[in-house]
Amino acid sequence: MSTMVKRVAQALQQEMGTAPFDKTAAFALARAAIAAMQEPTEKMIDAWISAPGAIKGGWQAMIDCALRVTDDEPVAKG
């Protein structure tokens, strides 16, 4: 299992307050959550373009954009 899948599974478990940790279900949910983000939105692409720090900054800006409450929030400029 990839580190990111494990990280997302742990975050889901913490957010949902589930116990005991059901690895099979948590990993399946984590993979589904990550897969849902495979195709970026236009706003996420805008965030990537305007982000400082090339790859890492762009990736983090896209994820920050995806985590916003609404798509109407402005994209942060470097």
N, C-alpha and C. Protein backbone atom coordinates (compact mmCIF):
# COMPACT_ATOMS: atom_id res chain seq x y z
N MET A 1 0.85 -1.17 0.00
CA MET A 1 0.00 0.00 0.00
C MET A 1 0.90 1.24 0.00
N SER A 2 0.55 2.22 -0.82
CA SER A 2 1.39 3.42 -0.90
C SER A 2 1.26 4.26 0.38
N THR A 3 2.28 5.07 0.58
CA THR A 3 2.29 5.97 1.74
C THR A 3 1.10 6.91 1.71
N MET A 4 0.75 7.43 0.52
CA MET A 4 -0.37 8.36 0.43
C MET A 4 -1.69 7.66 0.74
N VAL A 5 -1.87 6.45 0.28
CA VAL A 5 -3.10 5.71 0.60
C VAL A 5 -3.20 5.50 2.10
N LYS A 6 -2.09 5.13 2.72
CA LYS A 6 -2.08 4.95 4.18
C LYS A 6 -2.40 6.26 4.89
N ARG A 7 -1.81 7.36 4.43
CA ARG A 7 -2.03 8.66 5.04
C ARG A 7 -3.49 9.09 4.94
N VAL A 8 -4.07 8.89 3.76
CA VAL A 8 -5.48 9.25 3.56
C VAL A 8 -6.39 8.35 4.39
N ALA A 9 -6.06 7.06 4.45
CA ALA A 9 -6.86 6.13 5.25
C ALA A 9 -6.85 6.53 6.72
N GLN A 10 -5.69 6.90 7.23
CA GLN A 10 -5.59 7.33 8.63
C GLN A 10 -6.37 8.62 8.86
N ALA A 11 -6.30 9.55 7.90
CA ALA A 11 -7.04 10.80 8.04
C ALA A 11 -8.54 10.54 8.03
N LEU A 12 -8.99 9.64 7.17
CA LEU A 12 -10.42 9.29 7.13
C LEU A 12 -10.85 8.67 8.45
N GLN A 13 -10.04 7.79 8.98
CA GLN A 13 -10.36 7.15 10.25
C GLN A 13 -10.48 8.18 11.35
N GLN A 14 -9.53 9.10 11.41
CA GLN A 14 -9.56 10.13 12.44
C GLN A 14 -10.78 11.03 12.28
N GLU A 15 -11.08 11.41 11.06
CA GLU A 15 -12.20 12.31 10.80
C GLU A 15 -13.54 11.65 11.14
N MET A 16 -13.64 10.37 10.83
CA MET A 16 -14.89 9.65 11.04
C MET A 16 -14.98 9.07 12.46
N GLY A 17 -13.85 9.05 13.17
CA GLY A 17 -13.84 8.53 14.53
C GLY A 17 -14.16 7.04 14.60
N THR A 18 -13.73 6.31 13.57
CA THR A 18 -14.01 4.88 13.54
C THR A 18 -12.97 4.10 14.30
N ALA A 19 -13.43 3.08 14.99
CA ALA A 19 -12.54 2.17 15.70
C ALA A 19 -13.26 0.84 15.85
N PRO A 20 -12.62 -0.26 15.78
CA PRO A 20 -11.20 -0.41 15.45
C PRO A 20 -10.93 -0.11 13.98
N PHE A 21 -9.68 0.06 13.65
CA PHE A 21 -9.26 0.41 12.30
C PHE A 21 -9.44 -0.78 11.37
N ASP A 22 -10.38 -0.66 10.45
CA ASP A 22 -10.63 -1.69 9.44
C ASP A 22 -9.79 -1.34 8.21
N LYS A 23 -8.62 -1.96 8.11
CA LYS A 23 -7.67 -1.61 7.06
C LYS A 23 -8.26 -1.81 5.66
N THR A 24 -8.96 -2.89 5.43
CA THR A 24 -9.50 -3.16 4.10
C THR A 24 -10.46 -2.06 3.66
N ALA A 25 -11.40 -1.71 4.51
CA ALA A 25 -12.37 -0.67 4.17
C ALA A 25 -11.70 0.69 4.10
N ALA A 26 -10.82 0.98 5.04
CA ALA A 26 -10.15 2.29 5.06
C ALA A 26 -9.29 2.49 3.82
N PHE A 27 -8.56 1.46 3.42
CA PHE A 27 -7.73 1.58 2.22
C PHE A 27 -8.58 1.71 0.97
N ALA A 28 -9.70 1.02 0.91
CA ALA A 28 -10.60 1.14 -0.25
C ALA A 28 -11.17 2.56 -0.34
N LEU A 29 -11.58 3.11 0.80
CA LEU A 29 -12.09 4.49 0.82
C LEU A 29 -10.99 5.49 0.45
N ALA A 30 -9.80 5.26 0.95
CA ALA A 30 -8.68 6.16 0.66
C ALA A 30 -8.36 6.15 -0.83
N ARG A 31 -8.31 4.97 -1.42
CA ARG A 31 -8.03 4.88 -2.86
C ARG A 31 -9.12 5.56 -3.67
N ALA A 32 -10.37 5.41 -3.25
CA ALA A 32 -11.48 6.06 -3.95
C ALA A 32 -11.37 7.58 -3.84
N ALA A 33 -11.01 8.07 -2.66
CA ALA A 33 -10.87 9.51 -2.45
C ALA A 33 -9.75 10.08 -3.32
N ILE A 34 -8.64 9.38 -3.37
CA ILE A 34 -7.51 9.84 -4.18
C ILE A 34 -7.87 9.77 -5.67
N ALA A 35 -8.52 8.70 -6.09
CA ALA A 35 -8.91 8.55 -7.49
C ALA A 35 -9.87 9.65 -7.92
N ALA A 36 -10.74 10.07 -7.01
CA ALA A 36 -11.70 11.13 -7.33
C ALA A 36 -10.99 12.45 -7.63
N MET A 37 -9.77 12.60 -7.14
CA MET A 37 -9.02 13.83 -7.36
C MET A 37 -8.06 13.73 -8.55
N GLN A 38 -8.11 12.62 -9.28
CA GLN A 38 -7.17 12.42 -10.37
C GLN A 38 -7.32 13.46 -11.47
N GLU A 39 -8.53 13.85 -11.77
CA GLU A 39 -8.78 14.86 -12.79
C GLU A 39 -9.00 16.20 -12.10
N PRO A 40 -8.05 17.13 -12.21
CA PRO A 40 -8.19 18.40 -11.51
C PRO A 40 -9.30 19.26 -12.10
N THR A 41 -9.88 20.10 -11.26
CA THR A 41 -10.87 21.07 -11.73
C THR A 41 -10.13 22.25 -12.36
N GLU A 42 -10.85 23.09 -13.06
CA GLU A 42 -10.24 24.28 -13.65
C GLU A 42 -9.64 25.17 -12.56
N LYS A 43 -10.33 25.29 -11.44
CA LYS A 43 -9.83 26.10 -10.33
C LYS A 43 -8.53 25.52 -9.77
N MET A 44 -8.43 24.19 -9.72
CA MET A 44 -7.21 23.56 -9.24
C MET A 44 -6.05 23.85 -10.20
N ILE A 45 -6.33 23.83 -11.49
CA ILE A 45 -5.29 24.14 -12.48
C ILE A 45 -4.84 25.59 -12.32
N ASP A 46 -5.80 26.50 -12.10
CA ASP A 46 -5.45 27.91 -11.86
C ASP A 46 -4.56 28.03 -10.63
N ALA A 47 -4.89 27.28 -9.58
CA ALA A 47 -4.09 27.31 -8.35
C ALA A 47 -2.67 26.83 -8.62
N TRP A 48 -2.53 25.78 -9.42
CA TRP A 48 -1.21 25.25 -9.76
C TRP A 48 -0.39 26.30 -10.50
N ILE A 49 -1.00 26.95 -11.47
CA ILE A 49 -0.30 27.93 -12.29
C ILE A 49 0.19 29.11 -11.46
N SER A 50 -0.62 29.52 -10.50
CA SER A 50 -0.27 30.71 -9.73
C SER A 50 0.56 30.41 -8.48
N ALA A 51 0.87 29.15 -8.24
CA ALA A 51 1.57 28.77 -7.01
C ALA A 51 3.08 28.92 -7.15
N PRO A 52 3.72 29.40 -6.08
CA PRO A 52 5.19 29.43 -6.07
C PRO A 52 5.72 28.03 -5.74
N GLY A 53 6.95 27.77 -6.08
CA GLY A 53 7.58 26.54 -5.64
C GLY A 53 7.43 25.37 -6.59
N ALA A 54 7.15 25.64 -7.85
CA ALA A 54 7.09 24.61 -8.89
C ALA A 54 6.22 23.42 -8.49
N ILE A 55 6.77 22.24 -8.52
CA ILE A 55 5.99 21.02 -8.33
C ILE A 55 5.33 20.96 -6.96
N LYS A 56 6.10 21.07 -5.88
CA LYS A 56 5.54 20.93 -4.54
C LYS A 56 4.52 22.03 -4.25
N GLY A 57 4.87 23.26 -4.55
CA GLY A 57 3.95 24.36 -4.32
C GLY A 57 2.69 24.23 -5.15
N GLY A 58 2.85 23.82 -6.38
CA GLY A 58 1.70 23.63 -7.26
C GLY A 58 0.78 22.54 -6.77
N TRP A 59 1.36 21.41 -6.38
CA TRP A 59 0.56 20.30 -5.85
C TRP A 59 -0.20 20.73 -4.61
N GLN A 60 0.50 21.39 -3.69
CA GLN A 60 -0.14 21.82 -2.45
C GLN A 60 -1.24 22.85 -2.72
N ALA A 61 -1.00 23.72 -3.69
CA ALA A 61 -2.01 24.72 -4.04
C ALA A 61 -3.25 24.05 -4.63
N MET A 62 -3.06 23.02 -5.45
CA MET A 62 -4.21 22.30 -6.02
C MET A 62 -5.01 21.61 -4.93
N ILE A 63 -4.33 20.98 -3.99
CA ILE A 63 -5.03 20.29 -2.91
C ILE A 63 -5.74 21.32 -2.02
N ASP A 64 -5.07 22.44 -1.71
CA ASP A 64 -5.72 23.50 -0.94
C ASP A 64 -6.97 23.98 -1.65
N CYS A 65 -6.87 24.14 -2.95
CA CYS A 65 -8.02 24.57 -3.75
C CYS A 65 -9.15 23.56 -3.65
N ALA A 66 -8.83 22.28 -3.74
CA ALA A 66 -9.85 21.23 -3.68
C ALA A 66 -10.50 21.17 -2.31
N LEU A 67 -9.79 21.57 -1.27
CA LEU A 67 -10.31 21.49 0.09
C LEU A 67 -11.13 22.73 0.48
N ARG A 68 -11.20 23.72 -0.38
CA ARG A 68 -12.00 24.90 -0.07
C ARG A 68 -13.46 24.51 0.11
N VAL A 69 -14.17 25.34 0.82
CA VAL A 69 -15.58 25.07 1.08
C VAL A 69 -16.40 25.22 -0.19
N THR A 70 -16.09 26.22 -1.01
CA THR A 70 -16.80 26.42 -2.28
C THR A 70 -15.81 26.73 -3.38
N ASP A 71 -16.23 26.56 -4.63
CA ASP A 71 -15.39 26.92 -5.77
C ASP A 71 -15.34 28.42 -5.97
N ASP A 72 -16.16 29.17 -5.27
CA ASP A 72 -16.21 30.62 -5.44
C ASP A 72 -15.13 31.36 -4.68
N GLU A 73 -14.44 30.69 -3.77
CA GLU A 73 -13.33 31.33 -3.04
C GLU A 73 -12.21 31.61 -4.02
N PRO A 74 -11.56 32.76 -3.91
CA PRO A 74 -10.49 33.07 -4.85
C PRO A 74 -9.28 32.16 -4.65
N VAL A 75 -8.57 31.94 -5.74
CA VAL A 75 -7.34 31.16 -5.69
C VAL A 75 -6.25 32.05 -5.12
N ALA A 76 -5.54 31.56 -4.11
CA ALA A 76 -4.46 32.33 -3.48
C ALA A 76 -3.35 32.56 -4.48
N LYS A 77 -2.84 33.76 -4.53
CA LYS A 77 -1.71 34.11 -5.40
C LYS A 77 -0.44 34.14 -4.58
N GLY A 78 0.57 33.29 -5.01
CA GLY A 78 1.86 33.19 -4.40
C GLY A 78 2.15 34.13 -3.34
